[in-house]
Amino acid sequence: MVFTKIYRHGDVILYKLEETVQATGIQKKEQLILAEGEVTGHLHKLEGDFDVLDYKPMGGDVKFVVNTTALLTHEEHDRILLDSGVYLKVSQVEYNPFTDLVKRVVD
């Protein structure tokens, strides 16, 4: 998997991928919650012209294609305008060397 750009939006990380899209398994969306703050309830929300290619609920990865533009918003972060292309959303993780555990970073 090759990426051309990285966007960080709080604990959400987006990779713009260097790949094309096949039309199988696409779900047309106008809005998608990429992550929800566990304490504040604030949302990392994607709105615009995009299709979901692969979605793993419960804070998992999301792969989507932006057809024209899409806007990523959150109550405590700047908005990010995404241009057309294929994106992969991953959640940030941290490693604790004392417990030898990897856990997802929460917002």
PDB file of N, CA and C in Angstrom:
ATOM      1  N   MET A   1       0.848  -1.175   0.000  1.00  0.00           N
ATOM      2  CA  MET A   1       0.000   0.000   0.000  1.00  0.00           C
ATOM      3  C   MET A   1       0.893   1.236   0.000  1.00  0.00           C
ATOM      4  N   VAL A   2       0.716   2.068  -0.998  1.00  0.00           N
ATOM      5  CA  VAL A   2       1.511   3.281  -1.148  1.00  0.00           C
ATOM      6  C   VAL A   2       0.599   4.482  -0.908  1.00  0.00           C
ATOM      7  N   PHE A   3       1.084   5.450  -0.112  1.00  0.00           N
ATOM      8  CA  PHE A   3       0.286   6.652   0.119  1.00  0.00           C
ATOM      9  C   PHE A   3       1.051   7.875  -0.344  1.00  0.00           C
ATOM     10  N   THR A   4       0.291   8.929  -0.683  1.00  0.00           N
ATOM     11  CA  THR A   4       0.889  10.156  -1.192  1.00  0.00           C
ATOM     12  C   THR A   4       0.803  11.306  -0.197  1.00  0.00           C
ATOM     13  N   LYS A   5      -0.088  11.183   0.795  1.00  0.00           N
ATOM     14  CA  LYS A   5      -0.286  12.268   1.751  1.00  0.00           C
ATOM     15  C   LYS A   5      -0.861  11.695   3.034  1.00  0.00           C
ATOM     16  N   ILE A   6      -0.558  12.356   4.169  1.00  0.00           N
ATOM     17  CA  ILE A   6      -1.108  11.965   5.469  1.00  0.00           C
ATOM     18  C   ILE A   6      -1.797  13.176   6.078  1.00  0.00           C
ATOM     19  N   TYR A   7      -2.999  12.954   6.611  1.00  0.00           N
ATOM     20  CA  TYR A   7      -3.733  13.984   7.340  1.00  0.00           C
ATOM     21  C   TYR A   7      -3.940  13.485   8.765  1.00  0.00           C
ATOM     22  N   ARG A   8      -3.690  14.349   9.754  1.00  0.00           N
ATOM     23  CA  ARG A   8      -3.964  13.995  11.147  1.00  0.00           C
ATOM     24  C   ARG A   8      -5.054  14.925  11.652  1.00  0.00           C
ATOM     25  N   HIS A   9      -6.079  14.335  12.248  1.00  0.00           N
ATOM     26  CA  HIS A   9      -7.238  15.083  12.744  1.00  0.00           C
ATOM     27  C   HIS A   9      -7.529  14.559  14.138  1.00  0.00           C
ATOM     28  N   GLY A  10      -6.797  15.080  15.142  1.00  0.00           N
ATOM     29  CA  GLY A  10      -6.904  14.550  16.497  1.00  0.00           C
ATOM     30  C   GLY A  10      -6.355  13.142  16.523  1.00  0.00           C
ATOM     31  N   ASP A  11      -7.152  12.193  16.988  1.00  0.00           N
ATOM     32  CA  ASP A  11      -6.707  10.800  17.046  1.00  0.00           C
ATOM     33  C   ASP A  11      -7.019  10.020  15.766  1.00  0.00           C
ATOM     34  N   VAL A  12      -7.531  10.709  14.753  1.00  0.00           N
ATOM     35  CA  VAL A  12      -7.829  10.088  13.465  1.00  0.00           C
ATOM     36  C   VAL A  12      -6.707  10.427  12.485  1.00  0.00           C
ATOM     37  N   ILE A  13      -6.227   9.408  11.784  1.00  0.00           N
ATOM     38  CA  ILE A  13      -5.208   9.606  10.767  1.00  0.00           C
ATOM     39  C   ILE A  13      -5.760   9.115   9.436  1.00  0.00           C
ATOM     40  N   LEU A  14      -5.617   9.950   8.405  1.00  0.00           N
ATOM     41  CA  LEU A  14      -6.048   9.590   7.053  1.00  0.00           C
ATOM     42  C   LEU A  14      -4.831   9.493   6.148  1.00  0.00           C
ATOM     43  N   TYR A  15      -4.748   8.407   5.396  1.00  0.00           N
ATOM     44  CA  TYR A  15      -3.724   8.247   4.376  1.00  0.00           C
ATOM     45  C   TYR A  15      -4.401   8.376   3.020  1.00  0.00           C
ATOM     46  N   LYS A  16      -3.895   9.279   2.172  1.00  0.00           N
ATOM     47  CA  LYS A  16      -4.384   9.338   0.798  1.00  0.00           C
ATOM     48  C   LYS A  16      -3.559   8.325   0.023  1.00  0.00           C
ATOM     49  N   LEU A  17      -4.244   7.334  -0.538  1.00  0.00           N
ATOM     50  CA  LEU A  17      -3.574   6.218  -1.176  1.00  0.00           C
ATOM     51  C   LEU A  17      -3.358   6.466  -2.665  1.00  0.00           C
ATOM     52  N   GLU A  18      -2.321   5.836  -3.173  1.00  0.00           N
ATOM     53  CA  GLU A  18      -2.019   5.926  -4.595  1.00  0.00           C
ATOM     54  C   GLU A  18      -2.559   4.671  -5.269  1.00  0.00           C
ATOM     55  N   GLU A  19      -3.872   4.628  -5.438  1.00  0.00           N
ATOM     56  CA  GLU A  19      -4.503   3.473  -6.072  1.00  0.00           C
ATOM     57  C   GLU A  19      -5.796   3.879  -6.728  1.00  0.00           C
ATOM     58  N   THR A  20      -6.300   3.016  -7.579  1.00  0.00           N
ATOM     59  CA  THR A  20      -7.580   3.250  -8.238  1.00  0.00           C
ATOM     60  C   THR A  20      -8.652   2.400  -7.560  1.00  0.00           C
ATOM     61  N   VAL A  21      -9.886   2.628  -7.918  1.00  0.00           N
ATOM     62  CA  VAL A  21     -11.009   1.981  -7.251  1.00  0.00           C
ATOM     63  C   VAL A  21     -11.751   1.079  -8.214  1.00  0.00           C
ATOM     64  N   GLN A  22     -12.106  -0.106  -7.714  1.00  0.00           N
ATOM     65  CA  GLN A  22     -13.002  -0.982  -8.452  1.00  0.00           C
ATOM     66  C   GLN A  22     -14.400  -0.792  -7.886  1.00  0.00           C
ATOM     67  N   ALA A  23     -15.409  -0.873  -8.720  1.00  0.00           N
ATOM     68  CA  ALA A  23     -16.776  -0.511  -8.337  1.00  0.00           C
ATOM     69  C   ALA A  23     -17.502  -1.576  -7.528  1.00  0.00           C
ATOM     70  N   THR A  24     -16.827  -2.593  -7.010  1.00  0.00           N
ATOM     71  CA  THR A  24     -17.507  -3.634  -6.240  1.00  0.00           C
ATOM     72  C   THR A  24     -17.524  -3.274  -4.756  1.00  0.00           C
ATOM     73  N   GLY A  25     -18.656  -3.504  -4.114  1.00  0.00           N
ATOM     74  CA  GLY A  25     -18.766  -3.302  -2.676  1.00  0.00           C
ATOM     75  C   GLY A  25     -18.821  -1.863  -2.223  1.00  0.00           C
ATOM     76  N   ILE A  26     -19.165  -0.943  -3.106  1.00  0.00           N
ATOM     77  CA  ILE A  26     -19.181   0.477  -2.755  1.00  0.00           C
ATOM     78  C   ILE A  26     -20.531   0.852  -2.150  1.00  0.00           C
ATOM     79  N   GLN A  27     -20.480   1.602  -1.055  1.00  0.00           N
ATOM     80  CA  GLN A  27     -21.685   2.133  -0.413  1.00  0.00           C
ATOM     81  C   GLN A  27     -21.675   3.650  -0.568  1.00  0.00           C
ATOM     82  N   LYS A  28     -22.635   4.199  -1.274  1.00  0.00           N
ATOM     83  CA  LYS A  28     -22.735   5.643  -1.466  1.00  0.00           C
ATOM     84  C   LYS A  28     -23.148   6.299  -0.157  1.00  0.00           C
ATOM     85  N   LYS A  29     -22.420   7.320   0.276  1.00  0.00           N
ATOM     86  CA  LYS A  29     -22.714   8.030   1.523  1.00  0.00           C
ATOM     87  C   LYS A  29     -22.613   9.531   1.292  1.00  0.00           C
ATOM     88  N   GLU A  30     -23.289  10.291   2.133  1.00  0.00           N
ATOM     89  CA  GLU A  30     -23.128  11.737   2.158  1.00  0.00           C
ATOM     90  C   GLU A  30     -22.565  12.194   3.491  1.00  0.00           C
ATOM     91  N   GLN A  31     -22.594  11.288   4.489  1.00  0.00           N
ATOM     92  CA  GLN A  31     -22.074  11.601   5.816  1.00  0.00           C
ATOM     93  C   GLN A  31     -21.619  10.305   6.482  1.00  0.00           C
ATOM     94  N   LEU A  32     -20.492  10.378   7.212  1.00  0.00           N
ATOM     95  CA  LEU A  32     -19.973   9.211   7.903  1.00  0.00           C
ATOM     96  C   LEU A  32     -19.223   9.659   9.146  1.00  0.00           C
ATOM     97  N   ILE A  33     -19.512   9.041  10.274  1.00  0.00           N
ATOM     98  CA  ILE A  33     -18.789   9.314  11.509  1.00  0.00           C
ATOM     99  C   ILE A  33     -17.552   8.423  11.520  1.00  0.00           C
ATOM    100  N   LEU A  34     -16.369   9.035  11.447  1.00  0.00           N
ATOM    101  CA  LEU A  34     -15.123   8.280  11.444  1.00  0.00           C
ATOM    102  C   LEU A  34     -14.675   7.911  12.847  1.00  0.00           C
ATOM    103  N   ALA A  35     -15.002   8.755  13.834  1.00  0.00           N
ATOM    104  CA  ALA A  35     -14.655   8.470  15.228  1.00  0.00           C
ATOM    105  C   ALA A  35     -15.494   9.366  16.123  1.00  0.00           C
ATOM    106  N   GLU A  36     -15.736   8.871  17.330  1.00  0.00           N
ATOM    107  CA  GLU A  36     -16.502   9.630  18.324  1.00  0.00           C
ATOM    108  C   GLU A  36     -15.679   9.753  19.591  1.00  0.00           C
ATOM    109  N   GLY A  37     -15.633  10.966  20.164  1.00  0.00           N
ATOM    110  CA  GLY A  37     -14.904  11.181  21.410  1.00  0.00           C
ATOM    111  C   GLY A  37     -15.567  10.424  22.548  1.00  0.00           C
ATOM    112  N   GLU A  38     -14.783   9.635  23.253  1.00  0.00           N
ATOM    113  CA  GLU A  38     -15.324   8.813  24.335  1.00  0.00           C
ATOM    114  C   GLU A  38     -15.759   9.645  25.540  1.00  0.00           C
ATOM    115  N   VAL A  39     -15.104  10.786  25.768  1.00  0.00           N
ATOM    116  CA  VAL A  39     -15.427  11.621  26.928  1.00  0.00           C
ATOM    117  C   VAL A  39     -16.411  12.727  26.561  1.00  0.00           C
ATOM    118  N   THR A  40     -16.124  13.458  25.477  1.00  0.00           N
ATOM    119  CA  THR A  40     -16.936  14.628  25.130  1.00  0.00           C
ATOM    120  C   THR A  40     -18.091  14.314  24.200  1.00  0.00           C
ATOM    121  N   GLY A  41     -18.006  13.201  23.470  1.00  0.00           N
ATOM    122  CA  GLY A  41     -19.028  12.884  22.489  1.00  0.00           C
ATOM    123  C   GLY A  41     -18.865  13.630  21.187  1.00  0.00           C
ATOM    124  N   HIS A  42     -17.774  14.398  21.044  1.00  0.00           N
ATOM    125  CA  HIS A  42     -17.521  15.107  19.792  1.00  0.00           C
ATOM    126  C   HIS A  42     -17.243  14.106  18.678  1.00  0.00           C
ATOM    127  N   LEU A  43     -17.537  14.515  17.445  1.00  0.00           N
ATOM    128  CA  LEU A  43     -17.466  13.600  16.308  1.00  0.00           C
ATOM    129  C   LEU A  43     -16.444  14.052  15.276  1.00  0.00           C
ATOM    130  N   HIS A  44     -15.703  13.098  14.724  1.00  0.00           N
ATOM    131  CA  HIS A  44     -14.916  13.311  13.520  1.00  0.00           C
ATOM    132  C   HIS A  44     -15.850  12.884  12.390  1.00  0.00           C
ATOM    133  N   LYS A  45     -16.424  13.879  11.704  1.00  0.00           N
ATOM    134  CA  LYS A  45     -17.496  13.611  10.736  1.00  0.00           C
ATOM    135  C   LYS A  45     -17.031  13.964   9.328  1.00  0.00           C
ATOM    136  N   LEU A  46     -17.273  13.049   8.405  1.00  0.00           N
ATOM    137  CA  LEU A  46     -16.953  13.251   6.999  1.00  0.00           C
ATOM    138  C   LEU A  46     -18.247  13.523   6.251  1.00  0.00           C
ATOM    139  N   GLU A  47     -18.263  14.617   5.467  1.00  0.00           N
ATOM    140  CA  GLU A  47     -19.443  14.975   4.688  1.00  0.00           C
ATOM    141  C   GLU A  47     -19.010  15.332   3.276  1.00  0.00           C
ATOM    142  N   GLY A  48     -19.830  14.977   2.302  1.00  0.00           N
ATOM    143  CA  GLY A  48     -19.536  15.346   0.923  1.00  0.00           C
ATOM    144  C   GLY A  48     -19.854  14.247  -0.048  1.00  0.00           C
ATOM    145  N   ASP A  49     -19.124  14.232  -1.151  1.00  0.00           N
ATOM    146  CA  ASP A  49     -19.348  13.290  -2.240  1.00  0.00           C
ATOM    147  C   ASP A  49     -18.315  12.168  -2.144  1.00  0.00           C
ATOM    148  N   PHE A  50     -18.679  11.076  -1.453  1.00  0.00           N
ATOM    149  CA  PHE A  50     -17.741   9.973  -1.276  1.00  0.00           C
ATOM    150  C   PHE A  50     -18.479   8.644  -1.197  1.00  0.00           C
ATOM    151  N   ASP A  51     -17.739   7.576  -1.401  1.00  0.00           N
ATOM    152  CA  ASP A  51     -18.260   6.216  -1.330  1.00  0.00           C
ATOM    153  C   ASP A  51     -17.392   5.421  -0.362  1.00  0.00           C
ATOM    154  N   VAL A  52     -18.006   4.587   0.459  1.00  0.00           N
ATOM    155  CA  VAL A  52     -17.284   3.750   1.415  1.00  0.00           C
ATOM    156  C   VAL A  52     -16.941   2.428   0.735  1.00  0.00           C
ATOM    157  N   LEU A  53     -15.668   2.071   0.772  1.00  0.00           N
ATOM    158  CA  LEU A  53     -15.203   0.832   0.163  1.00  0.00           C
ATOM    159  C   LEU A  53     -15.123  -0.292   1.179  1.00  0.00           C
ATOM    160  N   ASP A  54     -14.659   0.032   2.387  1.00  0.00           N
ATOM    161  CA  ASP A  54     -14.497  -0.978   3.428  1.00  0.00           C
ATOM    162  C   ASP A  54     -14.654  -0.289   4.776  1.00  0.00           C
ATOM    163  N   TYR A  55     -15.443  -0.883   5.655  1.00  0.00           N
ATOM    164  CA  TYR A  55     -15.729  -0.265   6.954  1.00  0.00           C
ATOM    165  C   TYR A  55     -15.698  -1.321   8.041  1.00  0.00           C
ATOM    166  N   LYS A  56     -14.887  -1.064   9.060  1.00  0.00           N
ATOM    167  CA  LYS A  56     -14.832  -1.936  10.229  1.00  0.00           C
ATOM    168  C   LYS A  56     -15.307  -1.112  11.427  1.00  0.00           C
ATOM    169  N   PRO A  57     -16.483  -1.414  11.973  1.00  0.00           N
ATOM    170  CA  PRO A  57     -17.026  -0.613  13.072  1.00  0.00           C
ATOM    171  C   PRO A  57     -16.193  -0.723  14.347  1.00  0.00           C
ATOM    172  N   MET A  58     -16.575   0.027  15.360  1.00  0.00           N
ATOM    173  CA  MET A  58     -15.926   0.037  16.679  1.00  0.00           C
ATOM    174  C   MET A  58     -14.507   0.595  16.603  1.00  0.00           C
ATOM    175  N   GLY A  59     -14.340   1.720  15.907  1.00  0.00           N
ATOM    176  CA  GLY A  59     -13.049   2.383  15.874  1.00  0.00           C
ATOM    177  C   GLY A  59     -12.045   1.772  14.931  1.00  0.00           C
ATOM    178  N   GLY A  60     -12.508   0.901  14.029  1.00  0.00           N
ATOM    179  CA  GLY A  60     -11.603   0.240  13.095  1.00  0.00           C
ATOM    180  C   GLY A  60     -11.296   1.094  11.880  1.00  0.00           C
ATOM    181  N   ASP A  61     -10.646   0.470  10.926  1.00  0.00           N
ATOM    182  CA  ASP A  61     -10.264   1.165   9.706  1.00  0.00           C
ATOM    183  C   ASP A  61     -11.469   1.415   8.811  1.00  0.00           C
ATOM    184  N   VAL A  62     -11.377   2.489   8.024  1.00  0.00           N
ATOM    185  CA  VAL A  62     -12.384   2.809   7.018  1.00  0.00           C
ATOM    186  C   VAL A  62     -11.638   3.193   5.750  1.00  0.00           C
ATOM    187  N   LYS A  63     -12.000   2.562   4.654  1.00  0.00           N
ATOM    188  CA  LYS A  63     -11.427   2.918   3.364  1.00  0.00           C
ATOM    189  C   LYS A  63     -12.543   3.525   2.524  1.00  0.00           C
ATOM    190  N   PHE A  64     -12.281   4.703   1.947  1.00  0.00           N
ATOM    191  CA  PHE A  64     -13.313   5.387   1.176  1.00  0.00           C
ATOM    192  C   PHE A  64     -12.688   6.133   0.007  1.00  0.00           C
ATOM    193  N   VAL A  65     -13.518   6.429  -0.974  1.00  0.00           N
ATOM    194  CA  VAL A  65     -13.070   7.197  -2.133  1.00  0.00           C
ATOM    195  C   VAL A  65     -13.872   8.489  -2.192  1.00  0.00           C
ATOM    196  N   VAL A  66     -13.165   9.609  -2.278  1.00  0.00           N
ATOM    197  CA  VAL A  66     -13.798  10.915  -2.452  1.00  0.00           C
ATOM    198  C   VAL A  66     -13.910  11.152  -3.950  1.00  0.00           C
ATOM    199  N   ASN A  67     -15.137  11.379  -4.409  1.00  0.00           N
ATOM    200  CA  ASN A  67     -15.372  11.554  -5.846  1.00  0.00           C
ATOM    201  C   ASN A  67     -15.030  12.963  -6.313  1.00  0.00           C
ATOM    202  N   THR A  68     -15.461  13.972  -5.577  1.00  0.00           N
ATOM    203  CA  THR A  68     -15.127  15.367  -5.922  1.00  0.00           C
ATOM    204  C   THR A  68     -14.408  15.995  -4.737  1.00  0.00           C
ATOM    205  N   THR A  69     -15.152  16.318  -3.673  1.00  0.00           N
ATOM    206  CA  THR A  69     -14.546  16.831  -2.437  1.00  0.00           C
ATOM    207  C   THR A  69     -15.352  16.324  -1.245  1.00  0.00           C
ATOM    208  N   ALA A  70     -14.686  16.320  -0.099  1.00  0.00           N
ATOM    209  CA  ALA A  70     -15.349  15.974   1.154  1.00  0.00           C
ATOM    210  C   ALA A  70     -14.713  16.809   2.261  1.00  0.00           C
ATOM    211  N   LEU A  71     -15.479  17.045   3.316  1.00  0.00           N
ATOM    212  CA  LEU A  71     -15.027  17.881   4.415  1.00  0.00           C
ATOM    213  C   LEU A  71     -15.009  17.067   5.701  1.00  0.00           C
ATOM    214  N   LEU A  72     -13.871  17.075   6.398  1.00  0.00           N
ATOM    215  CA  LEU A  72     -13.728  16.399   7.680  1.00  0.00           C
ATOM    216  C   LEU A  72     -13.810  17.447   8.778  1.00  0.00           C
ATOM    217  N   THR A  73     -14.781  17.285   9.710  1.00  0.00           N
ATOM    218  CA  THR A  73     -14.992  18.276  10.759  1.00  0.00           C
ATOM    219  C   THR A  73     -14.950  17.635  12.142  1.00  0.00           C
ATOM    220  N   HIS A  74     -14.709  18.486  13.133  1.00  0.00           N
ATOM    221  CA  HIS A  74     -14.714  18.107  14.550  1.00  0.00           C
ATOM    222  C   HIS A  74     -14.856  19.401  15.324  1.00  0.00           C
ATOM    223  N   GLU A  75     -15.496  19.344  16.467  1.00  0.00           N
ATOM    224  CA  GLU A  75     -15.761  20.533  17.255  1.00  0.00           C
ATOM    225  C   GLU A  75     -14.493  21.201  17.787  1.00  0.00           C
ATOM    226  N   GLU A  76     -13.391  20.451  17.938  1.00  0.00           N
ATOM    227  CA  GLU A  76     -12.175  21.006  18.539  1.00  0.00           C
ATOM    228  C   GLU A  76     -10.981  21.059  17.590  1.00  0.00           C
ATOM    229  N   HIS A  77     -11.173  20.718  16.310  1.00  0.00           N
ATOM    230  CA  HIS A  77     -10.070  20.716  15.348  1.00  0.00           C
ATOM    231  C   HIS A  77     -10.450  21.540  14.129  1.00  0.00           C
ATOM    232  N   ASP A  78      -9.442  21.984  13.390  1.00  0.00           N
ATOM    233  CA  ASP A  78      -9.701  22.669  12.127  1.00  0.00           C
ATOM    234  C   ASP A  78     -10.343  21.703  11.139  1.00  0.00           C
ATOM    235  N   ARG A  79     -11.111  22.263  10.221  1.00  0.00           N
ATOM    236  CA  ARG A  79     -11.719  21.448   9.175  1.00  0.00           C
ATOM    237  C   ARG A  79     -10.655  21.091   8.139  1.00  0.00           C
ATOM    238  N   ILE A  80     -10.797  19.922   7.540  1.00  0.00           N
ATOM    239  CA  ILE A  80      -9.884  19.496   6.484  1.00  0.00           C
ATOM    240  C   ILE A  80     -10.707  19.214   5.236  1.00  0.00           C
ATOM    241  N   LEU A  81     -10.337  19.857   4.125  1.00  0.00           N
ATOM    242  CA  LEU A  81     -10.993  19.630   2.841  1.00  0.00           C
ATOM    243  C   LEU A  81     -10.192  18.572   2.090  1.00  0.00           C
ATOM    244  N   LEU A  82     -10.854  17.481   1.745  1.00  0.00           N
ATOM    245  CA  LEU A  82     -10.211  16.380   1.029  1.00  0.00           C
ATOM    246  C   LEU A  82     -10.598  16.443  -0.438  1.00  0.00           C
ATOM    247  N   ASP A  83      -9.611  16.342  -1.315  1.00  0.00           N
ATOM    248  CA  ASP A  83      -9.898  16.309  -2.745  1.00  0.00           C
ATOM    249  C   ASP A  83     -10.110  14.871  -3.196  1.00  0.00           C
ATOM    250  N   SER A  84     -10.393  14.681  -4.462  1.00  0.00           N
ATOM    251  CA  SER A  84     -10.726  13.349  -4.957  1.00  0.00           C
ATOM    252  C   SER A  84      -9.560  12.382  -4.783  1.00  0.00           C
ATOM    253  N   GLY A  85      -9.919  11.132  -4.500  1.00  0.00           N
ATOM    254  CA  GLY A  85      -8.919  10.102  -4.319  1.00  0.00           C
ATOM    255  C   GLY A  85      -9.391   9.050  -3.333  1.00  0.00           C
ATOM    256  N   VAL A  86      -8.536   8.048  -3.117  1.00  0.00           N
ATOM    257  CA  VAL A  86      -8.826   6.953  -2.207  1.00  0.00           C
ATOM    258  C   VAL A  86      -8.121   7.219  -0.881  1.00  0.00           C
ATOM    259  N   TYR A  87      -8.842   7.049   0.235  1.00  0.00           N
ATOM    260  CA  TYR A  87      -8.312   7.339   1.566  1.00  0.00           C
ATOM    261  C   TYR A  87      -8.509   6.132   2.491  1.00  0.00           C
ATOM    262  N   LEU A  88      -7.586   6.009   3.427  1.00  0.00           N
ATOM    263  CA  LEU A  88      -7.695   4.999   4.468  1.00  0.00           C
ATOM    264  C   LEU A  88      -7.629   5.712   5.808  1.00  0.00           C
ATOM    265  N   LYS A  89      -8.671   5.532   6.632  1.00  0.00           N
ATOM    266  CA  LYS A  89      -8.701   6.094   7.977  1.00  0.00           C
ATOM    267  C   LYS A  89      -8.229   5.028   8.949  1.00  0.00           C
ATOM    268  N   VAL A  90      -7.263   5.393   9.783  1.00  0.00           N
ATOM    269  CA  VAL A  90      -6.810   4.513  10.852  1.00  0.00           C
ATOM    270  C   VAL A  90      -6.843   5.296  12.151  1.00  0.00           C
ATOM    271  N   SER A  91      -6.991   4.589  13.255  1.00  0.00           N
ATOM    272  CA  SER A  91      -6.958   5.233  14.556  1.00  0.00           C
ATOM    273  C   SER A  91      -5.538   5.163  15.098  1.00  0.00           C
ATOM    274  N   GLN A  92      -5.142   6.226  15.767  1.00  0.00           N
ATOM    275  CA  GLN A  92      -3.808   6.289  16.334  1.00  0.00           C
ATOM    276  C   GLN A  92      -3.706   5.314  17.504  1.00  0.00           C
ATOM    277  N   VAL A  93      -2.560   4.662  17.621  1.00  0.00           N
ATOM    278  CA  VAL A  93      -2.307   3.741  18.729  1.00  0.00           C
ATOM    279  C   VAL A  93      -1.037   4.170  19.451  1.00  0.00           C
ATOM    280  N   GLU A  94      -0.906   3.709  20.690  1.00  0.00           N
ATOM    281  CA  GLU A  94       0.307   3.984  21.447  1.00  0.00           C
ATOM    282  C   GLU A  94       0.785   2.705  22.113  1.00  0.00           C
ATOM    283  N   TYR A  95       2.088   2.605  22.253  1.00  0.00           N
ATOM    284  CA  TYR A  95       2.699   1.424  22.851  1.00  0.00           C
ATOM    285  C   TYR A  95       3.215   1.775  24.234  1.00  0.00           C
ATOM    286  N   ASN A  96       2.892   0.934  25.230  1.00  0.00           N
ATOM    287  CA  ASN A  96       3.392   1.095  26.587  1.00  0.00           C
ATOM    288  C   ASN A  96       4.458   0.025  26.815  1.00  0.00           C
ATOM    289  N   PRO A  97       5.737   0.425  26.867  1.00  0.00           N
ATOM    290  CA  PRO A  97       6.804  -0.571  27.012  1.00  0.00           C
ATOM    291  C   PRO A  97       6.807  -1.251  28.385  1.00  0.00           C
ATOM    292  N   PHE A  98       6.188  -0.636  29.382  1.00  0.00           N
ATOM    293  CA  PHE A  98       6.165  -1.216  30.722  1.00  0.00           C
ATOM    294  C   PHE A  98       5.175  -2.374  30.833  1.00  0.00           C
ATOM    295  N   THR A  99       4.057  -2.252  30.105  1.00  0.00           N
ATOM    296  CA  THR A  99       3.053  -3.315  30.123  1.00  0.00           C
ATOM    297  C   THR A  99       3.103  -4.171  28.856  1.00  0.00           C
ATOM    298  N   ASP A 100       3.903  -3.723  27.863  1.00  0.00           N
ATOM    299  CA  ASP A 100       4.024  -4.398  26.576  1.00  0.00           C
ATOM    300  C   ASP A 100       2.665  -4.499  25.871  1.00  0.00           C
ATOM    301  N   LEU A 101       1.863  -3.420  25.994  1.00  0.00           N
ATOM    302  CA  LEU A 101       0.544  -3.378  25.375  1.00  0.00           C
ATOM    303  C   LEU A 101       0.450  -2.246  24.368  1.00  0.00           C
ATOM    304  N   VAL A 102      -0.297  -2.483  23.328  1.00  0.00           N
ATOM    305  CA  VAL A 102      -0.640  -1.460  22.351  1.00  0.00           C
ATOM    306  C   VAL A 102      -2.106  -1.157  22.531  1.00  0.00           C
ATOM    307  N   LYS A 103      -2.447   0.137  22.668  1.00  0.00           N
ATOM    308  CA  LYS A 103      -3.856   0.490  22.814  1.00  0.00           C
ATOM    309  C   LYS A 103      -4.190   1.662  21.917  1.00  0.00           C
ATOM    310  N   ARG A 104      -5.454   1.758  21.570  1.00  0.00           N
ATOM    311  CA  ARG A 104      -5.951   2.840  20.731  1.00  0.00           C
ATOM    312  C   ARG A 104      -6.003   4.129  21.529  1.00  0.00           C
ATOM    313  N   VAL A 105      -5.548   5.237  20.919  1.00  0.00           N
ATOM    314  CA  VAL A 105      -5.604   6.542  21.551  1.00  0.00           C
ATOM    315  C   VAL A 105      -7.039   7.020  21.510  1.00  0.00           C
ATOM    316  N   VAL A 106      -7.540   7.519  22.636  1.00  0.00           N
ATOM    317  CA  VAL A 106      -8.910   8.029  22.686  1.00  0.00           C
ATOM    318  C   VAL A 106      -8.889   9.535  22.757  1.00  0.00           C
ATOM    319  N   ASP A 107      -9.918  10.156  22.182  1.00  0.00           N
ATOM    320  CA  ASP A 107     -10.030  11.610  22.083  1.00  0.00           C
ATOM    321  C   ASP A 107     -10.794  12.146  23.274  1.00  0.00           C
TER     322      ASP A 107
END
